[in-house]
Protein backbone atom coordinates (compact mmCIF):
# COMPACT_ATOMS: atom_id res chain seq x y z
CA MET A 1 44.98 16.47 -15.66
CA ARG A 2 42.35 14.57 -13.68
CA PRO A 3 43.51 12.40 -10.80
CA ARG A 4 43.37 8.68 -11.50
CA GLY A 5 41.14 6.37 -9.57
CA ARG A 6 37.59 6.59 -8.42
CA ARG A 7 35.55 9.59 -9.41
CA PHE A 8 34.01 10.06 -5.96
CA GLN A 9 36.41 9.55 -3.08
CA HIS A 10 34.92 8.43 0.22
CA GLN A 11 35.90 10.84 2.98
CA GLU A 12 35.74 9.66 6.56
CA THR A 13 33.73 11.96 8.75
CA LYS A 14 35.61 13.39 11.67
CA PRO A 15 33.99 12.49 15.01
CA ALA A 16 32.39 15.35 16.94
CA ASN A 17 34.38 14.46 20.07
CA ARG A 18 37.94 13.16 20.23
CA ILE A 19 38.12 9.60 21.45
CA ASN A 20 40.83 7.22 22.72
CA GLN A 21 44.16 7.65 20.87
CA TYR A 22 42.97 10.91 19.18
CA ILE A 23 43.17 12.74 22.52
CA ARG A 24 46.55 14.49 22.28
CA VAL A 25 46.95 16.21 25.65
CA PRO A 26 49.31 14.98 28.40
CA GLN A 27 46.69 14.97 31.20
CA VAL A 28 42.90 14.65 31.38
CA ARG A 29 40.29 14.95 34.13
CA LEU A 30 38.46 11.64 34.25
CA VAL A 31 34.77 11.57 35.22
CA GLY A 32 31.99 9.03 34.83
CA ASP A 33 29.62 6.72 36.67
CA ASN A 34 31.87 3.67 36.32
CA ILE A 35 35.07 5.34 37.65
CA GLU A 36 36.00 4.60 41.30
CA ASN A 37 38.49 7.48 41.63
CA PRO A 38 37.56 10.44 39.42
CA GLY A 39 40.42 12.90 39.06
CA VAL A 40 43.36 13.96 36.91
CA TYR A 41 45.21 11.15 35.09
CA SER A 42 47.77 10.97 32.32
CA THR A 43 46.11 10.33 28.95
CA ASN A 44 47.76 6.90 28.55
CA GLU A 45 46.60 5.85 32.03
CA ALA A 46 43.03 7.02 31.26
CA ILE A 47 43.02 5.04 27.98
CA LYS A 48 44.19 1.92 29.90
CA ILE A 49 41.34 2.39 32.42
CA ALA A 50 38.84 2.68 29.54
CA ASP A 51 40.29 -0.45 27.84
CA ALA A 52 40.06 -2.39 31.11
CA LEU A 53 36.35 -1.56 31.27
CA ASP A 54 35.98 -2.34 27.54
CA LEU A 55 34.71 1.20 26.91
CA ASP A 56 35.93 4.36 25.12
CA LEU A 57 37.64 7.44 26.53
CA VAL A 58 35.61 10.38 25.15
CA GLU A 59 36.67 14.03 25.43
CA ILE A 60 33.59 15.87 26.70
CA SER A 61 34.96 19.35 27.40
CA PRO A 62 38.15 20.06 25.39
CA LYS A 63 38.45 23.72 26.48
CA ALA A 64 38.71 22.93 30.20
CA ASP A 65 42.13 22.79 31.87
CA PRO A 66 42.85 19.84 31.88
CA PRO A 67 40.28 18.60 29.33
CA VAL A 68 37.40 16.60 30.81
CA CYS A 69 37.00 13.02 29.56
CA ARG A 70 34.41 10.37 30.31
CA VAL A 71 34.69 6.60 30.10
CA ILE A 72 31.59 5.48 28.17
CA ASP A 73 30.47 3.50 25.13
CA TYR A 74 30.94 6.05 22.31
CA GLN A 75 28.12 4.71 20.10
CA LYS A 76 25.69 4.86 23.03
CA PHE A 77 26.90 8.41 23.76
CA LEU A 78 26.22 9.49 20.16
CA TYR A 79 22.78 7.87 20.25
CA GLN A 80 21.88 9.72 23.46
CA GLN A 81 23.08 13.04 22.01
CA LYS A 82 20.93 12.57 18.90
CA LYS A 83 17.96 11.65 21.08
CA LYS A 84 18.41 14.82 23.19
CA GLN A 85 18.65 17.01 20.08
CA LYS A 86 15.49 15.42 18.69
CA GLU A 87 13.62 16.09 21.96
CA MET A 88 14.81 19.71 22.04
CA LYS A 89 13.72 20.18 18.43
CA ALA A 90 10.29 18.73 19.22
CA LYS A 91 9.90 21.00 22.25
CA ALA A 92 10.95 24.12 20.33
CA VAL A 93 8.07 26.48 19.72
CA LYS A 94 7.25 26.75 16.05
CA VAL A 95 6.06 30.27 15.26
CA VAL A 96 3.54 30.40 12.46
CA VAL A 97 3.15 33.74 10.69
CA LYS A 98 -0.06 34.33 8.74
CA GLU A 99 -0.24 37.21 6.28
CA ILE A 100 -3.19 39.49 5.68
CA ARG A 101 -3.01 41.90 2.75
CA PHE A 102 -4.91 45.12 2.40
CA GLY A 103 -5.07 47.79 -0.27
CA PRO A 104 -5.07 51.45 0.78
CA ASN A 105 -8.73 51.75 -0.27
CA THR A 106 -10.09 48.55 1.34
CA ASP A 107 -13.89 48.59 1.88
CA ASP A 108 -15.50 47.97 5.27
CA HIS A 109 -16.85 44.57 4.24
CA ASP A 110 -13.43 43.33 3.10
CA TYR A 111 -11.86 44.82 6.22
CA ASN A 112 -14.30 42.99 8.52
CA PHE A 113 -13.80 39.74 6.59
CA LYS A 114 -10.01 39.98 7.04
CA LEU A 115 -10.42 41.05 10.68
CA LYS A 116 -12.34 37.82 11.40
CA HIS A 117 -9.57 35.79 9.76
CA ALA A 118 -6.95 37.59 11.85
CA GLU A 119 -8.94 36.87 15.04
CA LYS A 120 -9.06 33.20 14.10
CA PHE A 121 -5.30 33.11 13.44
CA LEU A 122 -4.50 34.82 16.76
CA ASN A 123 -6.79 32.46 18.67
CA GLU A 124 -4.93 29.53 17.10
CA GLY A 125 -1.66 31.01 18.41
CA ALA A 126 -0.21 32.24 15.11
CA LYS A 127 1.35 35.66 14.58
CA VAL A 128 -0.28 37.94 12.04
CA LYS A 129 1.64 40.01 9.52
CA ALA A 130 -0.76 42.64 8.23
CA TYR A 131 0.36 44.79 5.36
CA VAL A 132 -0.98 47.38 2.98
CA PHE A 133 0.31 46.94 -0.56
CA PHE A 134 0.62 50.15 -2.56
CA LYS A 135 0.29 49.60 -6.31
CA GLY A 136 1.43 52.28 -8.73
CA ARG A 137 0.35 55.75 -7.66
CA THR A 138 -1.51 54.55 -4.57
CA ILE A 139 1.76 55.16 -2.71
CA LEU A 140 0.39 58.72 -2.35
CA PHE A 141 -2.10 57.33 0.22
CA LYS A 142 0.52 56.33 2.81
CA GLU A 143 -1.52 57.98 5.57
CA LYS A 144 -4.62 55.96 4.60
CA GLY A 145 -2.61 52.75 4.85
CA GLU A 146 -1.22 53.68 8.25
CA ILE A 147 -4.67 54.61 9.57
CA LEU A 148 -6.05 51.30 8.28
CA LEU A 149 -3.33 49.27 10.03
CA LEU A 150 -3.69 51.20 13.29
CA ARG A 151 -7.46 50.63 13.21
CA PHE A 152 -6.76 46.94 12.57
CA ALA A 153 -4.44 46.80 15.60
CA GLN A 154 -7.01 48.59 17.76
CA ASP A 155 -9.79 46.16 16.72
CA LEU A 156 -7.53 43.21 17.62
CA GLY A 157 -6.40 44.83 20.90
CA GLU A 158 -8.26 42.34 23.11
CA ILE A 159 -6.67 39.19 21.66
CA GLY A 160 -3.38 40.44 20.23
CA LYS A 161 -0.60 42.88 20.93
CA VAL A 162 1.37 44.89 18.38
CA ASP A 163 4.98 43.72 17.98
CA GLN A 164 5.90 46.26 15.34
CA LEU A 165 4.02 49.44 14.50
CA PRO A 166 3.26 50.16 10.82
CA LYS A 167 6.50 50.68 8.92
CA LEU A 168 6.90 51.41 5.22
CA GLU A 169 9.24 49.00 3.40
CA GLY A 170 9.30 49.65 -0.32
CA LYS A 171 5.72 49.36 -1.61
CA ARG A 172 4.44 47.72 1.58
CA MET A 173 3.50 49.09 4.96
CA ILE A 174 3.96 46.22 7.41
CA MET A 175 2.76 45.59 10.97
CA PHE A 176 3.17 42.48 13.16
CA ILE A 177 0.64 41.36 15.76
CA SER A 178 1.19 38.43 18.13
CA PRO A 179 -1.39 36.68 20.31
CA LYS A 180 -1.71 37.74 23.94
CA LYS A 181 -0.75 35.14 26.53
CA LYS A 182 -3.78 33.34 27.93
CA LYS A 183 -4.09 33.47 31.71
C-alpha cells in the first residue's frame, strides 16, 4: 500500500555544521573575533553570548575536546566556505591527457607525423598517452610495439619524461609521457 499524501516529500537538508540548539555537548571552547574572553563555556552560556551579539553559535571542530565553536553569522560562514572551495577548484591543476595511437607496423612518415603532434601536446603542458593497438594476429609483434614506443620516448626525451614504461594491457601496449618542468 502506498503512503497517502504528496508523491515527493520535501526533506530538509542537514546543515554541514551543528549550530545553536543542535550542539548537544555540555561544554564548548568559544573562539572568534567578536569574543572578549575566548575560552571554555557551558553550551547554554555560549548560546546566550551568541544571541546577545545577534549571531549564531557554529561548531567548527566537533572532534576536539571540548568541541570548538565560533560566534558568527552562519549564512556568511557558508558563503565564505563555498567561495574558498570555488577558489581551490579554480587553482587545481587540470591534467589533460592526449592519446596517440600506433599500429605495430607504423611507417616512418606516420611516426614522424604523430611525433610532431606529441611534441605540440607536451609543449602545451598536456600528458601524452601513447599506445600500440594490436589487431587480430598482430599481437605476435609485441616486441615491435615495444621498440616503437621506446623509440618514441627517446625522440621526445628533450621535452618529456616517461612516467610509465611500455606495458601490455590486453590488446594495447601503453606508455605515458609527461612534459618536463620548464626552468
